[in-house]
Amino acid sequence: FETAETRWLGLQTAIGTSGAFAFEIDDVALVGARAPGAPHGGATQSRVKRTPASAVAGARWEPLGTDPAGDGTKALLPDAVSLGSWTSGSTVWFRVGLAAPMGEDFGVNLVLDLDGDPANGEPWWGKNTAFRFDLLVSAWAFASSSSTLDGAIGIARAGDAVKGSVIDESLGAPRIVAAPGGKEIYIGVPSALLGAAAPIRVVAAVGSTFLHNDDLPDSGAAQLARLP
């Protein structure tokens, strides 16, 4: 068995059961080839530097949309209530507002339709299933230190994203401003990836590191004006 093919390990209760339960984990070890190779290629996890909050301190946000609090799948997971954008130099920033303060880990996707045609692209797999997208920005992260974040953090074309490859290193990485206890997550995307030929339609999705919870909006899309 190739350890490089392991994507994640998890525990769950049996499907269809309910009631109190308890479990303990003493240790987990993966034992395989000394120098395994991954035929599927591509990174599934990355480490990025946290962007300091000063990067968005002087932002002039354009409101893109709001979403009711409490409409997520799980009440205790992040719940998106607002979305805004701001262009600064070569970066387009998106501000995702949350209904409640977040913890150490979080999950955010920016699901982007870039060509002005809502009928093409790949179907989004969250709550807003009618939305079709061209580019996916992912920041499903857990804190590794005060200066870095680890997780499925990257940018990918839609065709790769639907196959599970959400990190295309050739497209660069998003910039992330987020702090435990905060109610806003800021994601910076290189403007060169978004183009300027058509208005940009976007859905923001939030959840935990592994579980999707809420879309903003639940149907349709927020729209960002054509970039300069």
Protein backbone atom coordinates (compact mmCIF):
# COMPACT_ATOMS: atom_id res chain seq x y z
CA PHE A 1 0.00 0.00 0.00
CA GLU A 2 1.33 3.43 -0.98
CA THR A 3 1.28 5.96 1.84
CA ALA A 4 1.37 8.77 -0.72
CA GLU A 5 -2.09 7.70 -1.87
CA THR A 6 -3.62 8.37 1.56
CA ARG A 7 -5.79 11.47 1.46
CA TRP A 8 -7.35 11.53 4.92
CA LEU A 9 -8.36 9.32 7.84
CA GLY A 10 -11.66 9.68 9.65
CA LEU A 11 -14.00 8.19 12.21
CA GLN A 12 -17.78 8.30 12.21
CA THR A 13 -20.71 6.58 13.87
CA ALA A 14 -22.50 3.89 11.90
CA ILE A 15 -24.99 5.29 9.39
CA GLY A 16 -28.53 5.35 10.74
CA THR A 17 -27.58 5.05 14.41
CA SER A 18 -28.03 7.61 17.14
CA GLY A 19 -27.40 8.03 20.84
CA ALA A 20 -24.43 8.55 23.10
CA PHE A 21 -21.06 7.08 22.17
CA ALA A 22 -17.40 7.38 23.11
CA PHE A 23 -14.12 6.41 21.53
CA GLU A 24 -10.40 6.71 22.24
CA ILE A 25 -7.48 6.82 19.81
CA ASP A 26 -4.09 5.88 21.17
CA ASP A 27 -1.95 6.16 18.04
CA VAL A 28 -2.11 5.98 14.25
CA ALA A 29 0.75 4.85 12.00
CA LEU A 30 0.89 4.31 8.26
CA VAL A 31 3.37 1.68 7.12
CA GLY A 32 4.18 1.30 3.44
CA ALA A 33 6.83 1.74 0.80
CA ARG A 34 9.93 3.61 1.90
CA ALA A 35 9.82 5.92 -1.13
CA PRO A 36 6.24 5.69 -2.39
CA GLY A 37 5.08 7.27 -5.61
CA ALA A 38 1.65 8.81 -6.21
CA PRO A 39 0.46 8.03 -9.77
CA HIS A 40 -2.41 10.49 -9.45
CA GLY A 41 0.11 13.32 -9.11
CA GLY A 42 -0.55 16.80 -7.80
CA ALA A 43 -0.49 18.04 -4.24
CA THR A 44 -3.53 17.48 -2.02
CA GLN A 45 -2.22 19.56 0.87
CA SER A 46 -0.13 22.70 1.02
CA ARG A 47 1.34 25.14 3.50
CA VAL A 48 0.94 28.87 2.93
CA LYS A 49 2.05 31.89 4.87
CA ARG A 50 -0.65 33.79 6.68
CA THR A 51 -1.16 37.24 5.17
CA PRO A 52 -1.06 39.96 7.85
CA ALA A 53 -4.30 41.78 8.61
CA SER A 54 -2.66 45.03 7.54
CA ALA A 55 -3.10 43.90 3.92
CA VAL A 56 -6.85 44.61 4.12
CA ALA A 57 -6.85 47.32 6.79
CA GLY A 58 -7.55 50.15 4.34
CA ALA A 59 -9.98 48.28 2.12
CA ARG A 60 -13.05 49.90 0.57
CA TRP A 61 -15.40 46.97 0.28
CA GLU A 62 -18.04 46.59 -2.40
CA PRO A 63 -20.99 44.61 -0.98
CA LEU A 64 -21.80 41.59 -3.13
CA GLY A 65 -24.53 39.87 -1.16
CA THR A 66 -25.96 38.65 2.13
CA ASP A 67 -27.34 35.34 3.38
CA PRO A 68 -29.56 34.53 6.39
CA ALA A 69 -27.90 33.25 9.54
CA GLY A 70 -28.85 29.75 10.60
CA ASP A 71 -29.41 28.26 7.15
CA GLY A 72 -26.39 25.95 7.17
CA THR A 73 -26.47 22.17 7.39
CA LYS A 74 -24.86 22.05 10.85
CA ALA A 75 -25.57 24.71 13.47
CA LEU A 76 -22.08 24.57 15.00
CA LEU A 77 -20.15 24.99 11.75
CA PRO A 78 -19.24 28.30 10.05
CA ASP A 79 -22.28 30.03 8.51
CA ALA A 80 -21.79 32.71 5.83
CA VAL A 81 -23.88 35.88 6.14
CA SER A 82 -22.14 38.45 3.89
CA LEU A 83 -19.77 38.74 0.96
CA GLY A 84 -17.78 41.73 -0.29
CA SER A 85 -14.91 42.42 -2.68
CA TRP A 86 -12.06 44.89 -3.09
CA THR A 87 -9.37 45.11 -5.75
CA SER A 88 -5.91 46.17 -4.62
CA GLY A 89 -3.15 46.16 -7.21
CA SER A 90 -2.87 42.66 -8.68
CA THR A 91 -5.11 41.04 -6.03
CA VAL A 92 -8.88 40.77 -5.84
CA TRP A 93 -9.90 40.33 -2.21
CA PHE A 94 -13.11 38.67 -1.07
CA ARG A 95 -14.42 39.21 2.47
CA VAL A 96 -16.64 36.43 3.81
CA GLY A 97 -18.60 37.44 6.91
CA LEU A 98 -19.65 34.73 9.37
CA ALA A 99 -22.62 34.54 11.73
CA ALA A 100 -20.41 33.55 14.69
CA PRO A 101 -16.71 33.68 15.58
CA MET A 102 -14.67 30.91 14.00
CA GLY A 103 -12.29 28.47 15.64
CA GLU A 104 -8.77 27.40 14.74
CA ASP A 105 -9.79 25.57 11.57
CA PHE A 106 -12.17 26.60 8.81
CA GLY A 107 -13.19 25.85 5.26
CA VAL A 108 -13.88 28.41 2.54
CA ASN A 109 -14.42 28.03 -1.20
CA LEU A 110 -14.83 30.79 -3.76
CA VAL A 111 -16.71 29.23 -6.66
CA LEU A 112 -16.23 31.45 -9.72
CA ASP A 113 -17.94 31.70 -13.10
CA LEU A 114 -15.58 33.82 -15.21
CA ASP A 115 -16.82 33.74 -18.80
CA GLY A 116 -20.27 35.29 -18.42
CA ASP A 117 -22.04 32.10 -19.51
CA PRO A 118 -23.98 30.53 -16.60
CA ALA A 119 -24.81 27.44 -18.67
CA ASN A 120 -21.28 26.05 -19.12
CA GLY A 121 -18.59 25.00 -16.67
CA GLU A 122 -18.88 22.33 -13.98
CA PRO A 123 -21.78 22.00 -11.50
CA TRP A 124 -21.03 23.05 -7.92
CA TRP A 125 -21.47 20.25 -5.37
CA GLY A 126 -22.60 22.38 -2.41
CA LYS A 127 -26.12 23.56 -1.63
CA ASN A 128 -26.26 25.81 -4.71
CA THR A 129 -26.19 22.88 -7.13
CA ALA A 130 -27.57 24.84 -10.11
CA PHE A 131 -24.47 27.06 -10.18
CA ARG A 132 -21.78 26.14 -12.70
CA PHE A 133 -18.20 27.31 -12.29
CA ASP A 134 -14.92 27.76 -14.15
CA LEU A 135 -12.44 28.27 -11.29
CA LEU A 136 -12.35 27.10 -7.67
CA VAL A 137 -10.40 28.78 -4.88
CA SER A 138 -10.05 26.59 -1.79
CA ALA A 139 -8.92 27.41 1.73
CA TRP A 140 -9.84 24.38 3.81
CA ALA A 141 -7.29 24.99 6.48
CA PHE A 142 -6.16 24.20 9.97
CA ALA A 143 -3.75 26.40 11.85
CA SER A 144 -0.20 25.09 11.96
CA SER A 145 1.42 28.12 13.55
CA SER A 146 0.96 31.83 14.03
CA SER A 147 2.57 32.41 10.63
CA THR A 148 1.40 29.52 8.44
CA LEU A 149 -1.70 27.51 7.51
CA ASP A 150 -1.86 23.89 6.37
CA GLY A 151 -4.63 22.22 4.41
CA ALA A 152 -6.24 21.94 0.99
CA ILE A 153 -5.31 25.50 0.05
CA GLY A 154 -5.07 26.32 -3.62
CA ILE A 155 -6.63 27.34 -6.92
CA ALA A 156 -7.81 24.97 -9.66
CA ARG A 157 -9.68 24.94 -12.94
CA ALA A 158 -13.16 23.44 -12.73
CA GLY A 159 -12.29 20.30 -14.70
CA ASP A 160 -9.56 19.42 -12.21
CA ALA A 161 -11.57 20.45 -9.16
CA VAL A 162 -14.44 18.05 -9.87
CA LYS A 163 -11.88 15.23 -10.00
CA GLY A 164 -10.63 16.13 -6.52
CA SER A 165 -7.54 18.12 -7.56
CA VAL A 166 -8.09 21.49 -5.89
CA ILE A 167 -4.44 22.57 -5.90
CA ASP A 168 -2.86 23.52 -9.23
CA GLU A 169 0.54 24.85 -8.24
CA SER A 170 0.93 26.60 -11.61
CA LEU A 171 -1.95 28.94 -10.68
CA GLY A 172 -0.37 30.09 -7.42
CA ALA A 173 -2.01 30.13 -4.00
CA PRO A 174 -4.66 32.37 -2.48
CA ARG A 175 -3.71 34.90 0.18
CA ILE A 176 -5.54 34.36 3.47
CA VAL A 177 -6.27 36.68 6.37
CA ALA A 178 -8.05 34.84 9.19
CA ALA A 179 -7.77 34.73 12.95
CA PRO A 180 -9.41 32.46 15.55
CA GLY A 181 -12.26 34.32 17.22
CA GLY A 182 -12.83 36.53 14.18
CA LYS A 183 -16.06 36.72 12.21
CA GLU A 184 -14.50 37.49 8.82
CA ILE A 185 -12.25 35.53 6.46
CA TYR A 186 -10.39 37.36 3.69
CA ILE A 187 -9.27 35.50 0.57
CA GLY A 188 -7.02 37.20 -2.01
CA VAL A 189 -6.99 35.91 -5.60
CA PRO A 190 -4.56 37.03 -8.36
CA SER A 191 -6.57 39.30 -10.65
CA ALA A 192 -4.80 37.83 -13.70
CA LEU A 193 -6.69 34.56 -13.14
CA LEU A 194 -10.09 36.27 -13.19
CA GLY A 195 -9.80 38.14 -16.48
CA ALA A 196 -11.66 41.28 -17.46
CA ALA A 197 -13.83 40.19 -20.39
CA ALA A 198 -17.05 39.53 -18.48
CA PRO A 199 -18.66 40.17 -15.08
CA ILE A 200 -17.62 37.60 -12.50
CA ARG A 201 -20.30 35.50 -10.83
CA VAL A 202 -19.35 34.02 -7.47
CA VAL A 203 -20.68 31.74 -4.75
CA ALA A 204 -18.92 31.66 -1.37
CA ALA A 205 -19.09 28.36 0.53
CA VAL A 206 -18.02 27.80 4.14
CA GLY A 207 -17.69 24.89 6.55
CA SER A 208 -15.14 23.00 8.60
CA THR A 209 -11.85 21.59 7.35
CA PHE A 210 -13.66 18.55 5.91
CA LEU A 211 -17.38 19.35 5.76
CA HIS A 212 -19.28 21.85 3.60
CA ASN A 213 -22.01 23.72 5.52
CA ASP A 214 -23.41 26.84 3.82
CA ASP A 215 -23.46 28.66 0.48
CA LEU A 216 -23.86 32.38 -0.15
CA PRO A 217 -26.19 32.64 -1.98
CA ASP A 218 -28.15 29.38 -1.84
CA SER A 219 -29.34 29.97 -5.41
CA GLY A 220 -28.19 32.27 -8.20
CA ALA A 221 -24.90 34.08 -7.65
CA ALA A 222 -23.32 37.27 -6.39
CA GLN A 223 -21.83 39.39 -9.17
CA LEU A 224 -18.57 41.28 -9.24
CA ALA A 225 -18.29 44.12 -11.72
CA ARG A 226 -15.81 43.76 -14.58
CA LEU A 227 -12.26 44.22 -13.35
CA PRO A 228 -10.34 47.32 -14.50
